[in-house]
């Protein structure tokens, strides 16, 4: 890292909720489903209280989300690369 590049803020472009060992599938997620999945994946959501709720609500509103099922590592990497290329 050079300079102060680590201090720049960046925004997420896409939330991906992967699931290994299933037939390949990609689907968009509704905001409500995204919020549920974010709370399930958050290790400190309850401890953060209202602040955590606000952050996850904002993330859900601002960032698109997809559910990605993949049968093996090779398929998973290919799917992520395709998503990345589409951004």
N, C-alpha and C. Protein backbone atom coordinates (compact mmCIF):
# COMPACT_ATOMS: atom_id res chain seq x y z
N UNK A 1 0.82 -1.16 0.00
CA UNK A 1 0.00 0.00 0.00
C UNK A 1 0.88 1.24 0.00
N UNK A 2 0.50 2.17 -0.82
CA UNK A 2 1.28 3.40 -0.86
C UNK A 2 0.42 4.56 -0.38
N UNK A 3 1.08 5.56 0.13
CA UNK A 3 0.36 6.74 0.57
C UNK A 3 -0.69 6.42 1.61
N UNK A 4 -1.82 7.04 1.47
CA UNK A 4 -2.91 6.85 2.42
C UNK A 4 -4.10 6.16 1.76
N UNK A 5 -3.84 5.30 0.81
CA UNK A 5 -4.94 4.63 0.11
C UNK A 5 -5.81 3.83 1.07
N UNK A 6 -5.28 3.36 2.16
CA UNK A 6 -6.05 2.59 3.13
C UNK A 6 -7.08 3.46 3.85
N UNK A 7 -6.94 4.77 3.77
CA UNK A 7 -7.86 5.67 4.44
C UNK A 7 -9.07 6.04 3.57
N UNK A 8 -9.04 5.73 2.29
CA UNK A 8 -10.16 6.05 1.42
C UNK A 8 -11.34 5.15 1.72
N UNK A 9 -12.50 5.72 1.70
CA UNK A 9 -13.71 4.93 1.90
C UNK A 9 -14.11 4.30 0.58
N UNK A 10 -14.66 3.14 0.68
CA UNK A 10 -15.21 2.48 -0.51
C UNK A 10 -16.61 1.98 -0.17
N UNK A 11 -17.39 1.79 -1.18
CA UNK A 11 -18.76 1.32 -0.99
C UNK A 11 -18.89 -0.07 -1.60
N UNK A 12 -19.62 -0.92 -0.94
CA UNK A 12 -19.85 -2.25 -1.53
C UNK A 12 -20.70 -2.12 -2.79
N UNK A 13 -20.42 -2.95 -3.77
CA UNK A 13 -21.17 -2.92 -5.02
C UNK A 13 -22.23 -4.00 -5.08
N UNK A 14 -22.04 -5.08 -4.32
CA UNK A 14 -22.96 -6.21 -4.38
C UNK A 14 -22.79 -7.07 -3.13
N UNK A 15 -23.90 -7.51 -2.58
CA UNK A 15 -23.87 -8.48 -1.48
C UNK A 15 -24.13 -9.85 -2.09
N UNK A 16 -23.27 -10.80 -1.78
CA UNK A 16 -23.42 -12.16 -2.30
C UNK A 16 -23.59 -13.10 -1.11
N UNK A 17 -24.67 -13.86 -1.14
CA UNK A 17 -24.92 -14.86 -0.10
C UNK A 17 -24.73 -16.23 -0.74
N UNK A 18 -23.55 -16.82 -0.57
CA UNK A 18 -23.23 -18.09 -1.23
C UNK A 18 -23.75 -19.30 -0.45
N UNK A 19 -24.00 -20.35 -1.20
CA UNK A 19 -24.40 -21.62 -0.60
C UNK A 19 -23.74 -22.74 -1.39
N UNK A 20 -22.88 -23.48 -0.73
CA UNK A 20 -22.06 -24.51 -1.36
C UNK A 20 -22.80 -25.86 -1.38
N UNK A 21 -22.57 -26.62 -2.44
CA UNK A 21 -23.07 -27.99 -2.51
C UNK A 21 -24.46 -28.13 -3.11
N UNK A 22 -24.91 -27.11 -3.80
CA UNK A 22 -26.23 -27.14 -4.44
C UNK A 22 -26.07 -26.89 -5.93
N UNK A 23 -27.05 -27.29 -6.73
CA UNK A 23 -26.96 -27.00 -8.17
C UNK A 23 -26.80 -25.50 -8.40
N UNK A 24 -26.03 -25.16 -9.42
CA UNK A 24 -25.74 -23.76 -9.71
C UNK A 24 -27.02 -22.97 -9.92
N UNK A 25 -27.14 -21.87 -9.21
CA UNK A 25 -28.30 -20.99 -9.35
C UNK A 25 -27.92 -19.61 -8.84
N UNK A 26 -28.48 -18.61 -9.46
CA UNK A 26 -28.26 -17.23 -9.06
C UNK A 26 -29.61 -16.52 -9.08
N UNK A 27 -29.94 -15.86 -7.98
CA UNK A 27 -31.21 -15.14 -7.94
C UNK A 27 -31.05 -13.86 -7.14
N UNK A 28 -31.76 -12.84 -7.56
CA UNK A 28 -31.79 -11.59 -6.83
C UNK A 28 -32.58 -11.77 -5.54
N UNK A 29 -32.28 -10.95 -4.56
CA UNK A 29 -32.98 -11.04 -3.28
C UNK A 29 -33.77 -9.77 -3.03
N UNK A 30 -34.97 -9.95 -2.52
CA UNK A 30 -35.79 -8.81 -2.12
C UNK A 30 -35.15 -8.14 -0.91
N UNK A 31 -35.41 -6.87 -0.71
CA UNK A 31 -34.82 -6.17 0.44
C UNK A 31 -35.13 -6.85 1.78
N UNK A 32 -36.32 -7.38 1.95
CA UNK A 32 -36.65 -8.03 3.22
C UNK A 32 -35.81 -9.29 3.44
N UNK A 33 -35.66 -10.09 2.39
CA UNK A 33 -34.84 -11.30 2.50
C UNK A 33 -33.37 -10.93 2.73
N UNK A 34 -32.91 -9.88 2.08
CA UNK A 34 -31.54 -9.41 2.28
C UNK A 34 -31.32 -9.03 3.74
N UNK A 35 -32.26 -8.30 4.31
CA UNK A 35 -32.12 -7.88 5.71
C UNK A 35 -32.06 -9.09 6.63
N UNK A 36 -32.92 -10.06 6.41
CA UNK A 36 -32.91 -11.27 7.25
C UNK A 36 -31.56 -11.97 7.15
N UNK A 37 -31.06 -12.11 5.94
CA UNK A 37 -29.78 -12.79 5.76
C UNK A 37 -28.62 -12.00 6.39
N UNK A 38 -28.69 -10.69 6.29
CA UNK A 38 -27.64 -9.87 6.93
C UNK A 38 -27.66 -10.05 8.44
N UNK A 39 -28.83 -10.07 9.04
CA UNK A 39 -28.89 -10.24 10.49
C UNK A 39 -28.41 -11.62 10.90
N UNK A 40 -28.70 -12.64 10.09
CA UNK A 40 -28.24 -13.99 10.41
C UNK A 40 -26.72 -14.11 10.28
N UNK A 41 -26.13 -13.33 9.39
CA UNK A 41 -24.69 -13.40 9.16
C UNK A 41 -23.90 -12.49 10.09
N UNK A 42 -24.58 -11.60 10.78
CA UNK A 42 -23.89 -10.63 11.64
C UNK A 42 -23.63 -11.25 13.01
N UNK A 43 -22.38 -11.22 13.41
CA UNK A 43 -22.03 -11.79 14.71
C UNK A 43 -22.31 -10.85 15.86
N UNK A 44 -22.48 -9.56 15.57
CA UNK A 44 -22.70 -8.61 16.66
C UNK A 44 -23.93 -7.73 16.46
N UNK A 45 -24.86 -8.17 15.63
CA UNK A 45 -26.06 -7.38 15.35
C UNK A 45 -26.83 -7.07 16.63
N UNK A 46 -27.06 -8.05 17.46
CA UNK A 46 -27.83 -7.85 18.69
C UNK A 46 -27.07 -6.92 19.63
N UNK A 47 -25.78 -7.12 19.75
CA UNK A 47 -24.98 -6.29 20.65
C UNK A 47 -24.95 -4.83 20.19
N UNK A 48 -25.06 -4.59 18.90
CA UNK A 48 -25.01 -3.22 18.37
C UNK A 48 -26.33 -2.48 18.56
N UNK A 49 -27.41 -3.20 18.79
CA UNK A 49 -28.69 -2.56 19.06
C UNK A 49 -29.19 -1.73 17.89
N UNK A 50 -29.72 -0.56 18.22
CA UNK A 50 -30.32 0.31 17.21
C UNK A 50 -29.31 0.75 16.14
N UNK A 51 -28.08 0.99 16.53
CA UNK A 51 -27.06 1.38 15.55
C UNK A 51 -26.84 0.28 14.52
N UNK A 52 -26.80 -0.96 14.97
CA UNK A 52 -26.66 -2.09 14.06
C UNK A 52 -27.84 -2.20 13.13
N UNK A 53 -29.03 -1.99 13.66
CA UNK A 53 -30.24 -2.03 12.85
C UNK A 53 -30.18 -0.97 11.75
N UNK A 54 -29.77 0.24 12.10
CA UNK A 54 -29.70 1.33 11.12
C UNK A 54 -28.66 1.02 10.03
N UNK A 55 -27.52 0.50 10.43
CA UNK A 55 -26.48 0.20 9.45
C UNK A 55 -26.94 -0.90 8.49
N UNK A 56 -27.51 -1.97 9.00
CA UNK A 56 -27.96 -3.05 8.13
C UNK A 56 -29.13 -2.60 7.25
N UNK A 57 -29.99 -1.76 7.79
CA UNK A 57 -31.11 -1.23 6.99
C UNK A 57 -30.58 -0.39 5.83
N UNK A 58 -29.59 0.45 6.11
CA UNK A 58 -29.00 1.29 5.06
C UNK A 58 -28.28 0.42 4.02
N UNK A 59 -27.54 -0.56 4.47
CA UNK A 59 -26.83 -1.46 3.56
C UNK A 59 -27.82 -2.17 2.65
N UNK A 60 -28.88 -2.68 3.22
CA UNK A 60 -29.91 -3.37 2.46
C UNK A 60 -30.54 -2.46 1.41
N UNK A 61 -30.74 -1.19 1.76
CA UNK A 61 -31.38 -0.24 0.86
C UNK A 61 -30.46 0.22 -0.27
N UNK A 62 -29.17 0.26 -0.02
CA UNK A 62 -28.23 0.86 -0.97
C UNK A 62 -27.49 -0.13 -1.86
N UNK A 63 -27.44 -1.40 -1.46
CA UNK A 63 -26.60 -2.36 -2.17
C UNK A 63 -27.45 -3.53 -2.67
N UNK A 64 -27.38 -3.84 -3.97
CA UNK A 64 -28.12 -5.00 -4.46
C UNK A 64 -27.55 -6.29 -3.87
N UNK A 65 -28.40 -7.31 -3.82
CA UNK A 65 -27.98 -8.59 -3.22
C UNK A 65 -28.45 -9.75 -4.07
N UNK A 66 -27.63 -10.80 -4.08
CA UNK A 66 -27.97 -12.03 -4.80
C UNK A 66 -27.69 -13.25 -3.92
N UNK A 67 -28.45 -14.29 -4.18
CA UNK A 67 -28.18 -15.60 -3.58
C UNK A 67 -27.48 -16.43 -4.65
N UNK A 68 -26.37 -17.02 -4.28
CA UNK A 68 -25.56 -17.80 -5.22
C UNK A 68 -25.42 -19.22 -4.69
N UNK A 69 -25.97 -20.17 -5.41
CA UNK A 69 -25.77 -21.59 -5.10
C UNK A 69 -24.73 -22.13 -6.07
N UNK A 70 -23.83 -22.98 -5.57
CA UNK A 70 -22.81 -23.54 -6.45
C UNK A 70 -22.42 -24.94 -5.97
N UNK A 71 -22.17 -25.85 -6.91
CA UNK A 71 -21.91 -27.24 -6.54
C UNK A 71 -20.49 -27.52 -6.06
N UNK A 72 -19.52 -26.72 -6.52
CA UNK A 72 -18.12 -26.97 -6.17
C UNK A 72 -17.33 -25.67 -6.27
N UNK A 73 -16.09 -25.72 -5.84
CA UNK A 73 -15.26 -24.53 -5.83
C UNK A 73 -15.06 -23.91 -7.19
N UNK A 74 -14.83 -24.72 -8.19
CA UNK A 74 -14.61 -24.21 -9.54
C UNK A 74 -15.83 -23.44 -10.04
N UNK A 75 -17.02 -23.98 -9.82
CA UNK A 75 -18.25 -23.30 -10.24
C UNK A 75 -18.45 -22.02 -9.43
N UNK A 76 -18.10 -22.05 -8.15
CA UNK A 76 -18.23 -20.86 -7.32
C UNK A 76 -17.33 -19.73 -7.78
N UNK A 77 -16.08 -20.05 -8.08
CA UNK A 77 -15.14 -19.04 -8.56
C UNK A 77 -15.62 -18.47 -9.89
N UNK A 78 -16.08 -19.33 -10.79
CA UNK A 78 -16.57 -18.86 -12.09
C UNK A 78 -17.77 -17.94 -11.92
N UNK A 79 -18.66 -18.26 -11.02
CA UNK A 79 -19.84 -17.44 -10.79
C UNK A 79 -19.46 -16.08 -10.22
N UNK A 80 -18.55 -16.06 -9.26
CA UNK A 80 -18.10 -14.79 -8.68
C UNK A 80 -17.39 -13.94 -9.74
N UNK A 81 -16.57 -14.56 -10.55
CA UNK A 81 -15.88 -13.81 -11.62
C UNK A 81 -16.88 -13.21 -12.59
N UNK A 82 -17.94 -13.97 -12.92
CA UNK A 82 -18.96 -13.45 -13.83
C UNK A 82 -19.71 -12.27 -13.19
N UNK A 83 -20.01 -12.38 -11.90
CA UNK A 83 -20.65 -11.27 -11.22
C UNK A 83 -19.75 -10.05 -11.21
N UNK A 84 -18.48 -10.25 -10.92
CA UNK A 84 -17.52 -9.15 -10.89
C UNK A 84 -17.44 -8.47 -12.25
N UNK A 85 -17.37 -9.27 -13.30
CA UNK A 85 -17.28 -8.72 -14.67
C UNK A 85 -18.52 -7.91 -15.03
N UNK A 86 -19.65 -8.28 -14.47
CA UNK A 86 -20.91 -7.59 -14.79
C UNK A 86 -21.07 -6.26 -14.05
N UNK A 87 -20.24 -6.01 -13.06
CA UNK A 87 -20.37 -4.75 -12.29
C UNK A 87 -19.90 -3.55 -13.09
